[in-house]
Amino acid sequence: MKECRVVKLCGKKHLVFDGENFFPAFPAGRFELDSEGFKNRLAVGDFVKVRFVKGKDPLIVEVLERKNKLSRKMTFTNKEHIIASNIDEVAIVVAPNPVLKRNLVDRFLVACNSANLPLFIILNKTDLLPEEEIEKFIMPYSEIGLKIFLTSVLKREGFEELSCYLKDRWTLLVGHSGVGKSSIANFLCPYANFKIGEVDETTLKGKHITTSSTAVKLPQGGFIIDTAGLREFALFNVSQREIQSAFKKINELSLNCKYSNCTHRNEKDCAVLQEMAEGKIEAEEYNSYLALLKEANDITK
């Protein structure tokens, strides 16, 4: 029996790493029987016990307790989809092409806060953005202390600092299709050889090229996990307070609301609504909060 780590889910045969070598291993049948409520019983990053029997494929027989996990809710089944586990941090990659909006960043900020996972931002394709637009986008996140890296694969800029930061860490890359996650992974780890997609000019949406999460070893130590591009990320099992905590101004103002359980939608004597009426809260921030609030597990919709 040997302790290994899952680095890629490949149908029934997964790829694991024992600290020195990568090799395929099959999950035992019990994982299929014990998968109620889960889209995937195993996830990239899992520590597992592998049994070796002469003349047979290695068999994954046990998943060790996870220190953390990042999950989303499957829209139609409400099952939990575990994107990755036992990670040190999450990096959300954003770019002006296909589109630069804060909603997905806020979603991951909420999810990471709930999972007690550090989040940082990689703003890619900065060669396509004027400096003032970059500053406008990153300001609300730098104000709450998020680390932000500015990169351009085309100009080969911003990767030296990012590479040093990732050393000896397990980092999950997330974001929409087409923002450059695989390009960044290939730049940081040239032998990864991930396929690169383009943005559809008619829909402004990225084309799905990466089809499963894959962890690749970095030359300087550590791993990065490239994921399939997400066109939606439904929050899994988060509360109104956890959503509110991702919005600094709204969270601070909530202390002045009349009701301790104020949702800041239509309550009387709501400090947040008062500040909104006076134009002291950005409409984009408030609308992002309202959109996420619909997915809270503890309030009346």
Protein backbone atom coordinates (compact mmCIF):
# COMPACT_ATOMS: atom_id res chain seq x y z
CA MET A 1 0.00 0.00 0.00
CA LYS A 2 1.35 3.42 -0.93
CA GLU A 3 0.10 6.98 -0.34
CA CYS A 4 -0.21 8.90 -3.61
CA ARG A 5 -1.88 12.05 -4.90
CA VAL A 6 -4.39 12.34 -7.72
CA VAL A 7 -3.12 14.64 -10.49
CA LYS A 8 -5.67 13.92 -13.22
CA LEU A 9 -9.10 12.31 -13.52
CA CYS A 10 -9.25 10.25 -16.72
CA GLY A 11 -12.59 8.44 -16.89
CA LYS A 12 -12.13 5.21 -14.93
CA LYS A 13 -8.33 5.29 -14.93
CA HIS A 14 -6.81 8.21 -13.04
CA LEU A 15 -3.24 9.53 -12.94
CA VAL A 16 -1.54 9.60 -9.54
CA PHE A 17 1.83 10.79 -8.23
CA ASP A 18 3.79 9.05 -5.47
CA GLY A 19 6.35 11.82 -4.97
CA GLU A 20 8.69 10.48 -7.65
CA ASN A 21 6.68 8.86 -10.44
CA PHE A 22 3.37 9.36 -12.23
CA PHE A 23 1.29 6.28 -13.07
CA PRO A 24 -2.35 5.29 -13.76
CA ALA A 25 -4.56 3.73 -11.07
CA PHE A 26 -8.17 2.52 -11.02
CA PRO A 27 -10.61 3.58 -8.27
CA ALA A 28 -12.18 0.70 -6.34
CA GLY A 29 -15.85 -0.01 -6.96
CA ARG A 30 -16.82 1.35 -3.55
CA PHE A 31 -16.31 4.90 -4.85
CA GLU A 32 -19.14 4.37 -7.36
CA LEU A 33 -21.40 3.05 -4.59
CA ASP A 34 -20.53 5.92 -2.26
CA SER A 35 -21.07 8.79 -4.72
CA GLU A 36 -24.60 9.92 -3.81
CA GLY A 37 -24.72 13.71 -3.68
CA PHE A 38 -21.39 14.03 -5.51
CA LYS A 39 -20.63 14.53 -9.17
CA ASN A 40 -17.16 13.15 -8.48
CA ARG A 41 -16.09 11.08 -5.49
CA LEU A 42 -12.41 11.65 -6.30
CA ALA A 43 -10.83 14.99 -7.11
CA VAL A 44 -7.49 16.30 -8.32
CA GLY A 45 -5.37 16.95 -5.25
CA ASP A 46 -6.79 14.08 -3.22
CA PHE A 47 -4.38 12.03 -1.15
CA VAL A 48 -5.24 8.38 -1.70
CA LYS A 49 -4.01 4.95 -0.71
CA VAL A 50 -3.08 2.74 -3.64
CA ARG A 51 -2.85 -1.05 -3.45
CA PHE A 52 -0.47 -2.94 -5.71
CA VAL A 53 -1.22 -6.52 -6.76
CA LYS A 54 1.20 -8.35 -9.04
CA GLY A 55 -0.17 -8.70 -12.57
CA LYS A 56 -2.99 -6.19 -11.99
CA ASP A 57 -3.44 -2.43 -12.31
CA PRO A 58 -2.82 -0.36 -9.16
CA LEU A 59 -6.08 0.18 -7.25
CA ILE A 60 -7.18 3.30 -5.36
CA VAL A 61 -8.78 1.90 -2.21
CA GLU A 62 -9.09 4.90 0.11
CA VAL A 63 -9.35 8.69 0.02
CA LEU A 64 -7.63 10.37 2.96
CA GLU A 65 -9.28 13.22 4.84
CA ARG A 66 -9.17 16.50 2.90
CA LYS A 67 -7.77 19.64 4.50
CA ASN A 68 -9.91 21.72 2.11
CA LYS A 69 -11.79 21.59 -1.16
CA LEU A 70 -13.29 24.00 -3.67
CA SER A 71 -16.72 22.95 -4.89
CA ARG A 72 -19.54 24.21 -7.06
CA LYS A 73 -23.17 23.11 -7.34
CA MET A 74 -24.29 21.30 -10.48
CA THR A 75 -27.20 23.31 -11.84
CA PHE A 76 -29.63 20.54 -12.77
CA THR A 77 -28.81 17.88 -10.17
CA ASN A 78 -27.72 20.06 -7.22
CA LYS A 79 -24.86 17.63 -6.72
CA GLU A 80 -21.50 18.79 -5.40
CA HIS A 81 -18.75 19.04 -7.99
CA ILE A 82 -15.37 19.06 -6.24
CA ILE A 83 -13.03 21.00 -8.52
CA ALA A 84 -9.88 20.33 -6.48
CA SER A 85 -8.81 19.48 -2.95
CA ASN A 86 -5.88 19.95 -0.57
CA ILE A 87 -4.73 23.08 -2.38
CA ASP A 88 -2.75 26.02 -1.03
CA GLU A 89 -4.53 28.73 -2.99
CA VAL A 90 -6.82 29.57 -5.88
CA ALA A 91 -5.88 31.86 -8.76
CA ILE A 92 -8.73 33.28 -10.82
CA VAL A 93 -7.59 34.27 -14.28
CA VAL A 94 -9.47 37.16 -15.92
CA ALA A 95 -8.91 38.98 -19.20
CA PRO A 96 -10.57 41.62 -21.42
CA ASN A 97 -11.07 38.98 -24.07
CA PRO A 98 -13.65 37.39 -23.89
CA VAL A 99 -14.94 39.88 -21.29
CA LEU A 100 -13.68 41.67 -18.17
CA LYS A 101 -16.36 41.65 -15.48
CA ARG A 102 -16.24 41.34 -11.72
CA ASN A 103 -19.11 38.88 -11.21
CA LEU A 104 -17.05 35.69 -11.58
CA VAL A 105 -14.28 37.09 -9.38
CA ASP A 106 -16.86 37.82 -6.68
CA ARG A 107 -18.27 34.31 -7.00
CA PHE A 108 -14.88 32.75 -6.42
CA LEU A 109 -14.13 35.18 -3.60
CA VAL A 110 -17.31 34.02 -1.84
CA ALA A 111 -16.57 30.34 -2.51
CA CYS A 112 -12.97 30.66 -1.33
CA ASN A 113 -13.96 32.57 1.80
CA SER A 114 -16.46 29.82 2.60
CA ALA A 115 -13.80 27.13 2.04
CA ASN A 116 -11.14 29.10 3.94
CA LEU A 117 -8.94 29.19 0.84
CA PRO A 118 -6.71 32.12 -0.17
CA LEU A 119 -7.58 33.69 -3.53
CA PHE A 120 -5.51 35.86 -5.81
CA ILE A 121 -6.12 37.35 -9.25
CA ILE A 122 -4.16 37.01 -12.49
CA LEU A 123 -5.22 39.76 -14.90
CA ASN A 124 -4.02 38.40 -18.23
CA LYS A 125 -3.83 39.97 -21.71
CA THR A 126 -2.91 43.33 -20.20
CA ASP A 127 -1.56 44.33 -23.61
CA LEU A 128 -5.22 44.75 -24.64
CA LEU A 129 -6.08 47.14 -21.80
CA PRO A 130 -5.38 50.83 -21.16
CA GLU A 131 -3.76 51.46 -17.78
CA GLU A 132 -6.77 53.35 -16.40
CA GLU A 133 -9.07 50.39 -17.08
CA ILE A 134 -6.66 48.04 -15.32
CA GLU A 135 -6.61 50.31 -12.27
CA LYS A 136 -10.40 50.60 -12.20
CA PHE A 137 -10.84 46.83 -12.26
CA ILE A 138 -8.23 45.90 -9.66
CA MET A 139 -8.90 48.73 -7.19
CA PRO A 140 -11.78 47.12 -5.21
CA TYR A 141 -9.78 43.90 -4.86
CA SER A 142 -6.49 45.52 -3.91
CA GLU A 143 -8.44 47.48 -1.27
CA ILE A 144 -9.43 44.24 0.45
CA GLY A 145 -5.89 42.88 0.27
CA LEU A 146 -6.07 40.44 -2.65
CA LYS A 147 -2.75 39.83 -4.40
CA ILE A 148 -2.96 40.69 -8.11
CA PHE A 149 -0.58 39.73 -10.91
CA LEU A 150 -0.64 41.50 -14.28
CA THR A 151 0.47 39.27 -17.16
CA SER A 152 0.69 39.22 -20.93
CA VAL A 153 1.54 35.96 -22.65
CA LEU A 154 1.91 37.82 -25.95
CA LYS A 155 4.52 40.22 -24.54
CA ARG A 156 5.92 37.63 -22.09
CA GLU A 157 5.45 40.02 -19.19
CA GLY A 158 4.63 39.51 -15.52
CA PHE A 159 5.65 35.86 -15.21
CA GLU A 160 8.89 36.15 -13.26
CA GLU A 161 7.13 37.43 -10.14
CA LEU A 162 4.24 34.98 -10.59
CA SER A 163 6.61 32.04 -11.00
CA CYS A 164 8.44 32.92 -7.76
CA TYR A 165 5.14 33.22 -5.91
CA LEU A 166 3.95 29.77 -7.03
CA LYS A 167 7.11 27.98 -5.87
CA ASP A 168 6.36 24.90 -3.73
CA ARG A 169 2.60 25.57 -3.71
CA TRP A 170 -0.38 23.68 -5.12
CA THR A 171 -2.32 26.34 -7.01
CA LEU A 172 -5.67 25.93 -8.74
CA LEU A 173 -6.22 28.03 -11.89
CA VAL A 174 -9.88 28.89 -12.57
CA GLY A 175 -11.73 31.24 -14.90
CA HIS A 176 -13.78 31.51 -18.07
CA SER A 177 -12.75 29.73 -21.26
CA GLY A 178 -10.48 31.88 -23.40
CA VAL A 179 -8.85 33.96 -20.64
CA GLY A 180 -5.52 32.19 -21.08
CA LYS A 181 -5.29 29.65 -18.23
CA SER A 182 -3.67 27.00 -20.42
CA SER A 183 -1.35 29.56 -22.04
CA ILE A 184 -0.22 30.66 -18.58
CA ALA A 185 0.28 27.03 -17.52
CA ASN A 186 2.33 26.33 -20.65
CA PHE A 187 4.45 29.44 -20.07
CA LEU A 188 5.16 28.47 -16.46
CA CYS A 189 5.65 24.81 -17.31
CA PRO A 190 6.70 24.42 -20.97
CA TYR A 191 6.49 20.62 -21.01
CA ALA A 192 2.82 20.72 -19.92
CA ASN A 193 1.79 21.23 -23.57
CA PHE A 194 -1.85 22.10 -22.87
CA LYS A 195 -3.97 22.76 -25.94
CA ILE A 196 -4.76 26.42 -26.54
CA GLY A 197 -8.17 27.67 -27.65
CA GLU A 198 -9.41 30.94 -29.06
CA VAL A 199 -12.33 33.24 -28.33
CA ASP A 200 -15.36 32.91 -30.60
CA GLU A 201 -15.71 36.33 -32.21
CA THR A 202 -19.51 36.00 -32.57
CA THR A 203 -20.32 35.05 -28.96
CA LEU A 204 -17.21 36.49 -27.24
CA LYS A 205 -17.01 33.23 -25.31
CA GLY A 206 -13.97 31.03 -25.05
CA LYS A 207 -13.97 27.62 -26.69
CA HIS A 208 -13.59 24.67 -24.33
CA ILE A 209 -10.21 23.06 -25.01
CA THR A 210 -9.20 21.77 -21.56
CA THR A 211 -11.76 19.10 -20.70
CA SER A 212 -10.61 17.97 -17.25
CA SER A 213 -8.58 19.27 -14.32
CA THR A 214 -4.89 18.37 -14.56
CA ALA A 215 -2.09 19.08 -12.09
CA VAL A 216 1.36 19.66 -13.62
CA LYS A 217 4.64 19.91 -11.76
CA LEU A 218 6.41 23.26 -11.90
CA PRO A 219 10.16 23.39 -12.63
CA GLN A 220 10.77 25.45 -9.48
CA GLY A 221 8.68 23.12 -7.28
CA GLY A 222 4.97 22.89 -6.61
CA PHE A 223 2.04 22.16 -8.94
CA ILE A 224 -0.51 24.17 -10.88
CA ILE A 225 -3.90 22.70 -11.67
CA ASP A 226 -5.36 23.74 -15.01
CA THR A 227 -9.15 23.39 -15.17
CA ALA A 228 -11.79 23.31 -17.85
CA GLY A 229 -13.14 26.81 -18.51
CA LEU A 230 -16.25 27.57 -16.46
CA ARG A 231 -19.19 29.25 -18.14
CA GLU A 232 -21.07 29.07 -14.86
CA PHE A 233 -20.08 28.58 -11.26
CA ALA A 234 -23.05 27.99 -8.95
CA LEU A 235 -22.25 28.47 -5.29
CA PHE A 236 -22.40 25.34 -3.15
CA ASN A 237 -23.72 25.57 0.40
CA VAL A 238 -22.90 29.19 1.24
CA SER A 239 -24.73 31.54 3.59
CA GLN A 240 -25.82 35.14 3.23
CA ARG A 241 -23.09 36.19 5.68
CA GLU A 242 -20.43 34.42 3.65
CA ILE A 243 -21.63 36.19 0.51
CA GLN A 244 -21.76 39.55 2.27
CA SER A 245 -18.22 39.14 3.61
CA ALA A 246 -16.83 39.29 0.05
CA PHE A 247 -18.06 42.87 -0.35
CA LYS A 248 -16.06 45.13 1.97
CA LYS A 249 -18.28 48.25 1.88
CA ILE A 250 -21.53 46.32 2.17
CA ASN A 251 -20.15 44.20 5.01
CA GLU A 252 -18.95 47.23 6.96
CA LEU A 253 -22.21 49.14 6.47
CA SER A 254 -24.29 46.15 7.56
CA LEU A 255 -23.24 46.90 11.17
CA ASN A 256 -25.37 50.06 10.96
CA CYS A 257 -28.51 48.33 9.67
CA LYS A 258 -31.55 48.21 11.98
CA TYR A 259 -31.87 44.43 11.70
CA SER A 260 -28.98 42.06 12.33
CA ASN A 261 -30.26 39.70 9.61
CA CYS A 262 -30.72 42.46 7.03
CA THR A 263 -30.24 41.22 3.48
CA HIS A 264 -29.94 44.79 2.08
CA ARG A 265 -32.67 44.28 -0.50
CA ASN A 266 -35.77 46.10 0.75
CA GLU A 267 -35.56 46.21 4.56
CA LYS A 268 -36.45 49.33 6.55
CA ASP A 269 -33.55 51.43 7.90
CA CYS A 270 -30.96 49.55 5.83
CA ALA A 271 -27.65 51.41 5.88
CA VAL A 272 -26.57 49.78 2.62
CA LEU A 273 -29.67 50.91 0.72
CA GLN A 274 -29.24 54.41 2.13
CA GLU A 275 -25.65 54.58 0.87
CA MET A 276 -26.79 53.23 -2.49
CA ALA A 277 -29.40 55.98 -2.77
CA GLU A 278 -26.68 58.54 -2.10
CA GLY A 279 -24.41 57.04 -4.77
CA LYS A 280 -21.71 55.97 -2.29
CA ILE A 281 -21.69 52.33 -3.38
CA GLU A 282 -20.84 51.31 -6.94
CA ALA A 283 -23.88 49.90 -8.74
CA GLU A 284 -21.75 47.09 -10.19
CA GLU A 285 -20.69 45.99 -6.70
CA TYR A 286 -24.25 46.04 -5.34
CA ASN A 287 -25.69 44.23 -8.38
CA SER A 288 -23.01 41.56 -8.08
CA TYR A 289 -23.97 41.10 -4.41
CA LEU A 290 -27.68 40.78 -5.30
CA ALA A 291 -26.97 38.22 -8.02
CA LEU A 292 -25.01 36.03 -5.60
CA LEU A 293 -27.54 36.47 -2.80
CA LYS A 294 -30.06 34.45 -4.83
CA GLU A 295 -27.89 31.39 -4.18
CA ALA A 296 -27.59 31.77 -0.39
CA ASN A 297 -28.74 28.68 1.48
CA ASP A 298 -30.24 30.47 4.48
CA ILE A 299 -32.57 33.23 3.25
CA THR A 300 -35.96 33.38 1.57
CA LYS A 301 -35.45 33.91 -2.11
